[in-house]
Amino acid sequence: MEQLTHRTAADLSASLAKRQISAEELMQATLDRIAEANPEVNAIVSLRDPEALLAEARAQDADPPAGWLRGIPIAIKDLANARGLPTSMGSPLFAGQVAEADDLVVSRLRAAGALIIGKTNTPEFGLGSHTFNPVHGATRNPYDRGRSAGGSSGGAATALATRMLTVADGSDMMGSLRNPAAWNNVYGLRPTWGTVPAEPSGDLFMHQLSTAGPMARDPLDLALLLDTMTGTDSRQPHGTFPGVAAPMLESAPPRLRLGWLGDWGGALPFEPGLLELSEAALAQMGDLGHEVRPLAPPFSAEQMWESWITLRSFSVTAGLHALYDDPEKRAHLKPAARWEVARGQKLTAMELHGASMTRSDWFRTTTRLFEEVDMLVLPSTQVWPFPVEMEHPTEINGTAMDTYHRWMQVVIPGSLIGLPVLNIPIGFGEAGLPAGLQLIASRGGAGRLLQFAQQWHAATDWPNRRPPEI
């Protein structure tokens, strides 16, 4: 029964449609695996009543097949609303708050047949790439339970790695679909901004940093879930729909020019072993027929960073200022949240304009870069998974970090301008901990990223070649 949870979602979907297995069987196998693995890692939270879940599965078995996710159990990241489940966002201010309706992305998953079983753990308000909070505690890395699982989609990535889920949703402002995917030996895709629409509420124009996206152990599952999540929403002014990604995986990618940015000319510090492992993976990509081109730094890393922290603080402040302005509620916010809002409330209009001009200049630079290369390549993280008790790294290889999130600066190039970015697993370091590479494409290029990932997966299959021992 347990082996069902090791299969891909696409494979399970086909077996369910042919009635070779039942949704009830799959649900029971999933619940058994959660009971076995979740106490070790604390990835899935707010799990629903098992008998209710089994009843829902039996009801699906009685109905005609509808939707590729029919019968597939999914847990939703605890920043998004799923009808009837708590949305704590990792904050004691919202612990126990039950959602009355699905968020847009969740409704699309449910319409495709997914069975929503609970939530996946996340940092408080999704801030910081380390999944811990005062409501549900910390999620632990399945390859070393004494270390971080990353974040903010850490619960989702760990649930995938431990075979509690086959596919998962996540979200990414500052690497939250890439850092945990790298540290859990799975795939995570940050789509082109606007491809997966956000909620049609609040301001619809100004904040273009965060997006929802898919995670999986297999590129085809990733593509299928992306296709389910994407599509314009008439209630929102932005949005792109670049086509269907999954069919592209039926053919191999052409010979690609891969622009390797490394440590950005020495501007980004890395812990020992990460660059070496990345370059070994690039050599494998060369063996697959692709061209690796080392690139000089195309833009000032510091200017990009200043633009990012300005726009990020502006965005975080827009969401949290009402809590911050209430002294009683402010006391319950984590230090990172208070720091962001305090910065954001001091920003001037011209500072925001300057940050957006830098962002625009970087975008213009990438349009020229993508005439020379097909993808930009960077490590997904600058550090290996750190001790789970640590709030965040304060230095990297002797270089002091001046903010709670500076250690994730490597994810900024894609996030700042809304480009599609895919984490692919690339193997393990000397301590047995996994790492990943970011592949960055031009706008609308997720299909090509996934096509390349499928070829890489066929050649390496890191998620199945070296699963965690739980």
Protein backbone atom coordinates (compact mmCIF):
# COMPACT_ATOMS: atom_id res chain seq x y z
CA MET A 1 0.00 0.00 0.00
CA GLU A 2 2.83 2.39 0.86
CA GLN A 3 4.30 2.07 -2.64
CA LEU A 4 1.33 3.99 -4.07
CA THR A 5 2.70 7.14 -2.45
CA HIS A 6 6.03 6.67 -4.25
CA ARG A 7 4.44 6.88 -7.70
CA THR A 8 4.03 10.08 -9.71
CA ALA A 9 0.76 11.96 -9.78
CA ALA A 10 0.47 11.43 -13.54
CA ASP A 11 0.88 7.68 -13.10
CA LEU A 12 -1.63 7.57 -10.25
CA SER A 13 -4.07 9.68 -12.26
CA ALA A 14 -3.96 7.20 -15.14
CA SER A 15 -4.45 4.23 -12.79
CA LEU A 16 -7.38 5.93 -11.05
CA ALA A 17 -9.04 6.76 -14.37
CA LYS A 18 -8.74 3.11 -15.47
CA ARG A 19 -10.09 1.92 -12.09
CA GLN A 20 -6.87 -0.06 -11.54
CA ILE A 21 -6.68 1.52 -8.10
CA SER A 22 -9.31 3.37 -6.08
CA ALA A 23 -9.22 6.81 -4.54
CA GLU A 24 -9.96 5.14 -1.22
CA GLU A 25 -6.87 2.92 -1.55
CA LEU A 26 -4.71 5.93 -2.38
CA MET A 27 -6.14 7.96 0.48
CA GLN A 28 -5.49 5.16 2.96
CA ALA A 29 -1.93 4.77 1.68
CA THR A 30 -1.42 8.51 2.02
CA LEU A 31 -2.77 8.58 5.58
CA ASP A 32 -0.57 5.63 6.50
CA ARG A 33 2.49 7.36 5.09
CA ILE A 34 1.65 10.60 6.92
CA ALA A 35 1.28 8.69 10.20
CA GLU A 36 4.70 7.15 9.60
CA ALA A 37 6.71 10.12 8.34
CA ASN A 38 5.09 13.32 9.56
CA PRO A 39 6.03 12.92 13.25
CA GLU A 40 9.67 12.95 12.08
CA VAL A 41 9.47 16.15 10.01
CA ASN A 42 6.28 18.10 10.89
CA ALA A 43 5.50 19.04 7.29
CA ILE A 44 1.71 18.57 7.18
CA VAL A 45 -0.43 20.49 9.66
CA SER A 46 -4.18 20.79 10.26
CA LEU A 47 -4.74 17.29 8.87
CA ARG A 48 -8.45 16.58 8.43
CA ASP A 49 -10.30 13.69 10.06
CA PRO A 50 -9.19 10.45 8.37
CA GLU A 51 -12.70 8.99 8.25
CA ALA A 52 -14.03 12.10 6.53
CA LEU A 53 -11.21 11.93 3.99
CA LEU A 54 -11.83 8.27 3.27
CA ALA A 55 -15.53 9.00 2.82
CA GLU A 56 -14.70 11.72 0.28
CA ALA A 57 -12.44 9.30 -1.55
CA ARG A 58 -15.18 6.66 -1.67
CA ALA A 59 -17.58 9.25 -3.06
CA GLN A 60 -15.12 10.05 -5.85
CA ASP A 61 -14.80 6.35 -6.62
CA ALA A 62 -18.57 6.22 -7.14
CA ASP A 63 -18.56 9.14 -9.59
CA PRO A 64 -17.39 9.16 -13.23
CA PRO A 65 -13.74 10.24 -13.64
CA ALA A 66 -13.41 14.01 -13.95
CA GLY A 67 -10.17 15.99 -13.80
CA TRP A 68 -6.60 14.70 -13.85
CA LEU A 69 -6.25 15.27 -10.07
CA ARG A 70 -9.35 13.19 -9.29
CA GLY A 71 -8.54 11.14 -6.20
CA ILE A 72 -5.09 12.72 -5.64
CA PRO A 73 -4.58 13.93 -2.03
CA ILE A 74 -3.12 17.44 -1.74
CA ALA A 75 -2.31 19.62 1.28
CA ILE A 76 -2.39 23.41 0.77
CA LYS A 77 0.35 25.77 1.90
CA ASP A 78 -0.82 27.48 5.08
CA LEU A 79 -0.73 30.96 3.53
CA ALA A 80 -3.67 30.15 1.23
CA ASN A 81 -7.31 29.64 2.15
CA ALA A 82 -8.90 26.22 1.71
CA ARG A 83 -12.59 26.04 2.58
CA GLY A 84 -13.22 24.53 6.02
CA LEU A 85 -9.54 24.47 7.05
CA PRO A 86 -7.62 26.82 9.34
CA THR A 87 -5.41 29.46 7.73
CA SER A 88 -2.98 30.34 10.49
CA MET A 89 -0.19 31.74 8.25
CA GLY A 90 2.00 30.57 11.10
CA SER A 91 0.83 33.45 13.29
CA PRO A 92 -0.80 33.18 16.72
CA LEU A 93 -2.96 36.11 15.64
CA PHE A 94 -4.75 33.82 13.17
CA ALA A 95 -4.41 30.39 14.79
CA GLY A 96 -7.70 28.52 14.46
CA GLN A 97 -9.17 30.94 11.92
CA VAL A 98 -11.19 28.75 9.51
CA ALA A 99 -11.53 29.73 5.85
CA GLU A 100 -15.05 30.10 4.52
CA ALA A 101 -14.02 29.80 0.87
CA ASP A 102 -11.16 28.59 -1.32
CA ASP A 103 -8.60 30.97 -2.72
CA LEU A 104 -8.58 31.08 -6.51
CA VAL A 105 -5.67 28.66 -6.96
CA VAL A 106 -7.13 26.21 -4.45
CA SER A 107 -10.47 26.29 -6.25
CA ARG A 108 -8.68 25.35 -9.48
CA LEU A 109 -7.01 22.37 -7.81
CA ARG A 110 -10.31 21.25 -6.33
CA ALA A 111 -12.06 21.64 -9.70
CA ALA A 112 -9.43 19.34 -11.19
CA GLY A 113 -10.46 16.68 -8.67
CA ALA A 114 -7.87 17.10 -5.90
CA LEU A 115 -8.83 15.93 -2.43
CA ILE A 116 -7.74 18.59 0.07
CA ILE A 117 -6.45 16.77 3.15
CA GLY A 118 -4.89 19.55 5.24
CA LYS A 119 -2.23 22.25 5.09
CA THR A 120 1.56 22.36 4.73
CA ASN A 121 3.68 24.25 7.22
CA THR A 122 5.19 27.67 6.50
CA PRO A 123 7.09 30.41 8.36
CA GLU A 124 5.04 33.14 10.02
CA PHE A 125 3.47 35.15 7.15
CA GLY A 126 5.89 33.33 4.83
CA LEU A 127 8.80 35.56 5.89
CA GLY A 128 12.22 33.97 5.84
CA SER A 129 13.40 30.83 4.04
CA HIS A 130 13.20 28.67 7.19
CA THR A 131 9.91 27.00 8.08
CA PHE A 132 9.19 27.54 11.76
CA ASN A 133 6.42 29.38 13.58
CA PRO A 134 4.84 29.60 17.06
CA VAL A 135 1.63 27.86 15.95
CA HIS A 136 2.88 24.63 14.39
CA GLY A 137 6.59 24.57 15.22
CA ALA A 138 9.43 23.82 12.82
CA THR A 139 9.53 21.60 9.77
CA ARG A 140 12.66 19.45 9.73
CA ASN A 141 14.81 18.48 6.80
CA PRO A 142 14.19 14.80 5.94
CA TYR A 143 17.87 14.30 5.07
CA ASP A 144 18.95 15.53 8.51
CA ARG A 145 16.20 16.12 11.04
CA GLY A 146 18.44 18.52 12.93
CA ARG A 147 18.44 20.95 10.01
CA SER A 148 16.08 23.36 8.25
CA ALA A 149 13.76 22.30 5.45
CA GLY A 150 13.95 25.77 3.90
CA GLY A 151 10.95 27.94 3.23
CA SER A 152 8.58 29.39 2.94
CA SER A 153 7.18 26.34 1.12
CA GLY A 154 9.20 24.09 3.44
CA GLY A 155 6.27 21.96 4.54
CA ALA A 156 5.27 21.32 0.92
CA ALA A 157 8.79 20.38 -0.18
CA THR A 158 9.36 18.06 2.77
CA ALA A 159 5.96 16.39 2.29
CA LEU A 160 6.96 15.67 -1.31
CA ALA A 161 10.41 14.37 -0.41
CA THR A 162 9.01 11.99 2.21
CA ARG A 163 6.31 10.68 -0.15
CA MET A 164 3.42 12.06 1.89
CA LEU A 165 2.29 14.02 -1.20
CA THR A 166 2.86 13.52 -4.91
CA VAL A 167 2.37 17.16 -5.90
CA ALA A 168 2.03 20.36 -3.88
CA ASP A 169 1.27 24.03 -4.26
CA GLY A 170 3.63 26.68 -2.97
CA SER A 171 4.35 30.35 -3.36
CA ASP A 172 7.49 32.36 -4.01
CA MET A 173 8.46 35.93 -3.31
CA MET A 174 12.11 35.41 -2.38
CA GLY A 175 12.96 31.87 -3.35
CA SER A 176 10.15 30.10 -1.49
CA LEU A 177 9.58 27.59 -4.30
CA ARG A 178 13.32 27.18 -4.94
CA ASN A 179 15.18 27.13 -1.63
CA PRO A 180 13.04 24.38 -0.03
CA ALA A 181 12.97 22.41 -3.28
CA ALA A 182 16.78 22.49 -3.37
CA TRP A 183 17.06 21.41 0.27
CA ASN A 184 14.55 18.57 -0.20
CA ASN A 185 15.82 17.15 -3.51
CA VAL A 186 12.64 17.99 -5.47
CA TYR A 187 11.52 20.36 -8.23
CA GLY A 188 9.97 23.78 -7.63
CA LEU A 189 8.84 26.26 -10.28
CA ARG A 190 8.29 29.98 -9.85
CA PRO A 191 6.18 30.83 -12.95
CA THR A 192 6.30 34.05 -14.93
CA TRP A 193 4.62 36.65 -12.74
CA GLY A 194 0.92 36.88 -13.66
CA THR A 195 0.71 33.37 -15.10
CA VAL A 196 -0.88 32.09 -11.88
CA PRO A 197 -3.28 34.82 -10.77
CA ALA A 198 -3.36 35.95 -7.16
CA GLU A 199 -6.52 36.68 -5.23
CA PRO A 200 -8.71 39.37 -6.87
CA SER A 201 -8.77 41.47 -3.69
CA GLY A 202 -6.94 44.48 -2.31
CA ASP A 203 -4.59 46.39 -4.60
CA LEU A 204 -4.46 44.83 -8.06
CA PHE A 205 -1.70 46.92 -9.65
CA MET A 206 1.32 47.72 -7.48
CA HIS A 207 2.74 44.53 -5.98
CA GLN A 208 4.38 42.20 -8.50
CA LEU A 209 6.88 40.21 -6.43
CA SER A 210 5.11 37.08 -5.17
CA THR A 211 3.41 34.30 -7.10
CA ALA A 212 1.96 30.87 -6.46
CA GLY A 213 3.47 27.90 -8.26
CA PRO A 214 3.84 24.10 -8.32
CA MET A 215 6.23 21.64 -6.65
CA ALA A 216 6.77 17.96 -7.46
CA ARG A 217 9.26 15.10 -7.59
CA ASP A 218 8.84 14.79 -11.35
CA PRO A 219 8.86 17.43 -14.14
CA LEU A 220 5.71 16.06 -15.83
CA ASP A 221 3.79 16.34 -12.56
CA LEU A 222 5.16 19.86 -12.20
CA ALA A 223 3.98 20.77 -15.71
CA LEU A 224 0.53 19.27 -15.21
CA LEU A 225 0.05 21.13 -11.94
CA LEU A 226 1.26 24.38 -13.51
CA ASP A 227 -1.28 23.98 -16.30
CA THR A 228 -4.00 23.50 -13.67
CA MET A 229 -2.99 26.62 -11.76
CA THR A 230 -2.53 28.96 -14.72
CA GLY A 231 -5.05 30.99 -16.67
CA THR A 232 -6.16 34.59 -16.65
CA ASP A 233 -8.79 35.85 -14.24
CA SER A 234 -11.18 38.49 -15.61
CA ARG A 235 -11.33 40.22 -12.23
CA GLN A 236 -7.65 41.19 -12.44
CA PRO A 237 -5.86 43.63 -14.77
CA HIS A 238 -2.63 41.63 -15.18
CA GLY A 239 -2.05 38.12 -16.33
CA THR A 240 -0.48 36.01 -19.02
CA PHE A 241 -1.39 32.61 -20.35
CA PRO A 242 1.63 31.35 -22.27
CA GLY A 243 0.10 28.05 -23.33
CA VAL A 244 0.03 24.49 -22.07
CA ALA A 245 3.36 23.25 -20.69
CA ALA A 246 2.82 19.51 -20.29
CA PRO A 247 2.70 18.58 -24.02
CA MET A 248 6.13 20.19 -24.52
CA LEU A 249 7.67 17.43 -22.40
CA GLU A 250 6.88 14.87 -25.08
CA SER A 251 9.91 16.06 -27.06
CA ALA A 252 13.51 16.74 -26.09
CA PRO A 253 14.71 20.34 -25.85
CA PRO A 254 16.94 21.77 -28.59
CA ARG A 255 20.59 22.45 -27.87
CA LEU A 256 20.48 25.23 -25.30
CA ARG A 257 22.94 27.98 -24.41
CA LEU A 258 23.23 28.08 -20.62
CA GLY A 259 24.58 31.31 -19.12
CA TRP A 260 26.40 30.43 -15.88
CA LEU A 261 26.54 33.37 -13.45
CA GLY A 262 28.25 31.54 -10.57
CA ASP A 263 28.95 33.85 -7.62
CA TRP A 264 28.15 36.99 -9.65
CA GLY A 265 31.78 37.97 -9.97
CA GLY A 266 32.46 37.45 -6.28
CA ALA A 267 29.52 39.59 -5.12
CA LEU A 268 27.69 36.59 -3.61
CA PRO A 269 29.36 34.48 -0.91
CA PHE A 270 28.75 30.72 -0.85
CA GLU A 271 29.45 27.99 1.65
CA PRO A 272 32.13 25.54 0.48
CA GLY A 273 30.99 22.86 -1.94
CA LEU A 274 27.94 24.55 -3.46
CA LEU A 275 29.68 26.14 -6.44
CA GLU A 276 31.68 22.98 -7.06
CA LEU A 277 28.54 20.81 -7.06
CA SER A 278 26.83 23.32 -9.35
CA GLU A 279 29.70 23.24 -11.82
CA ALA A 280 29.69 19.43 -11.80
CA ALA A 281 26.00 19.55 -12.76
CA LEU A 282 26.78 22.02 -15.53
CA ALA A 283 29.37 19.61 -16.88
CA GLN A 284 26.64 16.93 -16.99
CA MET A 285 24.44 19.35 -18.93
CA GLY A 286 27.27 19.77 -21.39
CA ASP A 287 27.38 16.01 -21.77
CA LEU A 288 23.68 16.13 -22.67
CA GLY A 289 24.57 18.35 -25.62
CA HIS A 290 24.04 21.84 -24.21
CA GLU A 291 26.51 24.71 -24.28
CA VAL A 292 27.60 26.24 -20.97
CA ARG A 293 28.76 29.85 -21.25
CA PRO A 294 30.32 31.50 -18.17
CA LEU A 295 29.01 35.07 -17.96
CA ALA A 296 30.52 38.15 -16.38
CA PRO A 297 28.21 39.97 -13.92
CA PRO A 298 25.64 41.67 -16.18
CA PHE A 299 24.33 44.10 -13.55
CA SER A 300 25.26 45.48 -10.14
CA ALA A 301 24.31 42.97 -7.47
CA GLU A 302 24.16 45.72 -4.85
CA GLN A 303 21.85 47.94 -6.89
CA MET A 304 19.60 44.97 -7.47
CA TRP A 305 19.60 44.18 -3.75
CA GLU A 306 18.70 47.75 -2.75
CA SER A 307 15.85 47.74 -5.27
CA TRP A 308 14.64 44.40 -3.93
CA ILE A 309 14.60 45.24 -0.22
CA THR A 310 12.81 48.52 -0.95
CA LEU A 311 10.07 46.93 -3.03
CA ARG A 312 9.81 43.94 -0.68
CA SER A 313 9.40 46.11 2.41
CA PHE A 314 6.79 48.13 0.54
CA SER A 315 4.89 44.95 -0.32
CA VAL A 316 5.14 43.39 3.16
CA THR A 317 4.04 46.67 4.76
CA ALA A 318 0.97 46.78 2.53
CA GLY A 319 -0.11 43.44 3.95
CA LEU A 320 0.87 43.81 7.61
CA HIS A 321 0.66 47.51 8.51
CA ALA A 322 -2.76 47.18 10.17
CA LEU A 323 -1.37 44.54 12.55
CA TYR A 324 1.79 46.54 13.15
CA ASP A 325 -0.16 49.72 13.96
CA ASP A 326 -2.01 47.91 16.76
CA PRO A 327 0.49 47.71 19.68
CA GLU A 328 -1.08 44.55 21.11
CA LYS A 329 -0.94 42.75 17.77
CA ARG A 330 2.50 44.10 16.93
CA ALA A 331 3.88 42.27 19.96
CA HIS A 332 2.87 38.99 18.34
CA LEU A 333 4.70 39.67 15.04
CA LYS A 334 8.08 38.02 14.48
CA PRO A 335 11.08 40.41 14.42
CA ALA A 336 11.46 40.07 10.64
CA ALA A 337 7.88 41.26 10.12
CA ARG A 338 8.35 44.25 12.43
CA TRP A 339 11.60 45.13 10.67
CA GLU A 340 9.97 45.02 7.24
CA VAL A 341 7.01 47.21 8.24
CA ALA A 342 9.16 49.74 10.10
CA ARG A 343 11.25 50.12 6.92
CA GLY A 344 8.26 50.18 4.64
CA GLN A 345 6.47 52.94 6.50
CA LYS A 346 9.48 55.23 6.11
CA LEU A 347 9.80 54.84 2.34
CA THR A 348 9.11 57.84 0.13
CA ALA A 349 7.43 57.82 -3.26
CA MET A 350 10.70 58.73 -4.97
CA GLU A 351 12.55 55.88 -3.22
CA LEU A 352 9.96 53.47 -4.59
CA HIS A 353 10.28 55.06 -8.02
CA GLY A 354 14.06 54.69 -7.89
CA ALA A 355 13.76 51.02 -6.92
CA SER A 356 11.36 50.41 -9.79
CA MET A 357 13.72 52.17 -12.21
CA THR A 358 16.52 49.82 -11.14
CA ARG A 359 14.17 46.90 -11.65
CA SER A 360 13.32 48.24 -15.12
CA ASP A 361 17.00 48.60 -16.01
CA TRP A 362 17.67 45.01 -14.93
CA PHE A 363 14.75 43.79 -17.06
CA ARG A 364 16.11 45.66 -20.07
CA THR A 365 19.48 44.05 -19.43
CA THR A 366 17.96 40.56 -19.44
CA THR A 367 16.24 41.14 -22.77
CA ARG A 368 19.73 41.60 -24.24
CA LEU A 369 21.12 38.62 -22.30
CA PHE A 370 18.45 36.32 -23.69
CA GLU A 371 19.68 37.15 -27.19
CA GLU A 372 23.01 35.56 -26.20
CA VAL A 373 21.79 32.65 -24.04
CA ASP A 374 18.60 30.65 -23.66
CA MET A 375 18.71 30.33 -19.87
CA LEU A 376 20.56 31.95 -16.99
CA VAL A 377 21.88 29.58 -14.33
CA LEU A 378 22.62 30.24 -10.65
CA PRO A 379 22.81 28.06 -7.53
CA SER A 380 19.46 27.89 -5.73
CA THR A 381 20.99 28.63 -2.33
CA GLN A 382 24.14 30.17 -0.90
CA VAL A 383 24.25 27.88 2.14
CA TRP A 384 23.58 24.25 2.99
CA PRO A 385 20.61 23.48 5.28
CA PHE A 386 21.47 25.02 8.65
CA PRO A 387 20.54 23.88 12.20
CA VAL A 388 16.79 23.93 12.71
CA GLU A 389 17.18 25.94 15.95
CA MET A 390 18.88 28.79 14.08
CA GLU A 391 16.56 31.62 13.05
CA HIS A 392 18.67 32.55 10.01
CA PRO A 393 22.34 32.58 8.98
CA THR A 394 24.26 35.61 10.18
CA GLU A 395 27.34 34.99 8.03
CA ILE A 396 28.38 33.01 4.96
CA ASN A 397 31.95 31.81 4.72
CA GLY A 398 33.15 34.75 6.83
CA THR A 399 30.92 37.40 5.19
CA ALA A 400 28.45 38.98 7.65
CA MET A 401 24.78 39.12 6.66
CA ASP A 402 23.24 42.54 7.34
CA THR A 403 19.58 41.45 7.21
CA TYR A 404 17.53 38.39 8.10
CA HIS A 405 17.25 37.47 4.42
CA ARG A 406 20.55 38.55 2.84
CA TRP A 407 21.66 34.91 2.80
CA MET A 408 19.12 34.32 0.01
CA GLN A 409 20.33 37.14 -2.26
CA VAL A 410 21.00 34.65 -5.05
CA VAL A 411 17.26 34.33 -5.80
CA ILE A 412 16.78 38.06 -6.45
CA PRO A 413 17.62 38.17 -10.20
CA GLY A 414 14.52 36.15 -11.13
CA SER A 415 12.17 37.42 -8.44
CA LEU A 416 12.79 41.12 -9.00
CA ILE A 417 11.47 41.12 -12.55
CA GLY A 418 8.99 38.25 -12.46
CA LEU A 419 10.84 35.78 -14.69
CA PRO A 420 10.10 32.04 -14.61
CA VAL A 421 12.65 30.17 -12.49
CA LEU A 422 12.95 26.42 -11.94
CA ASN A 423 14.90 24.61 -9.23
CA ILE A 424 16.31 21.29 -10.36
CA PRO A 425 18.00 18.82 -7.96
CA ILE A 426 21.73 18.39 -8.67
CA GLY A 427 22.94 15.96 -6.03
CA PHE A 428 24.45 15.98 -2.56
CA GLY A 429 27.37 17.49 -0.70
CA GLU A 430 29.90 15.77 1.54
CA ALA A 431 27.53 15.92 4.54
CA GLY A 432 24.77 14.14 2.60
CA LEU A 433 22.63 17.25 2.16
CA PRO A 434 20.96 18.09 -1.18
CA ALA A 435 21.36 21.16 -3.36
CA GLY A 436 19.83 22.60 -6.52
CA LEU A 437 20.33 24.92 -9.46
CA GLN A 438 18.09 27.78 -10.59
CA LEU A 439 17.31 27.88 -14.30
CA ILE A 440 15.93 31.27 -15.36
CA ALA A 441 14.13 31.85 -18.68
CA SER A 442 12.60 34.87 -20.35
CA ARG A 443 8.95 35.73 -19.73
CA GLY A 444 6.60 32.93 -20.69
CA GLY A 445 9.45 30.43 -20.85
CA ALA A 446 8.28 27.93 -18.22
CA GLY A 447 7.54 25.29 -20.86
CA ARG A 448 11.13 25.32 -22.09
CA LEU A 449 12.41 25.11 -18.50
CA LEU A 450 10.22 22.08 -17.89
CA GLN A 451 11.25 20.47 -21.16
CA PHE A 452 14.89 20.78 -20.11
CA ALA A 453 14.04 19.50 -16.62
CA GLN A 454 12.44 16.40 -18.13
CA GLN A 455 15.65 15.62 -20.00
CA TRP A 456 17.69 16.26 -16.84
CA HIS A 457 15.37 14.07 -14.79
CA ALA A 458 15.68 11.19 -17.25
CA ALA A 459 19.46 11.43 -16.98
CA THR A 460 19.74 11.86 -13.18
CA ASP A 461 16.42 11.18 -11.36
CA TRP A 462 17.80 12.53 -8.09
CA PRO A 463 14.44 12.42 -6.21
CA ASN A 464 14.15 8.64 -6.71
CA ARG A 465 17.85 7.89 -6.86
CA ARG A 466 18.36 9.19 -3.34
CA PRO A 467 15.13 9.56 -1.33
CA PRO A 468 15.30 10.37 2.39
CA GLU A 469 15.46 7.43 4.79
CA ILE A 470 12.23 7.84 6.75
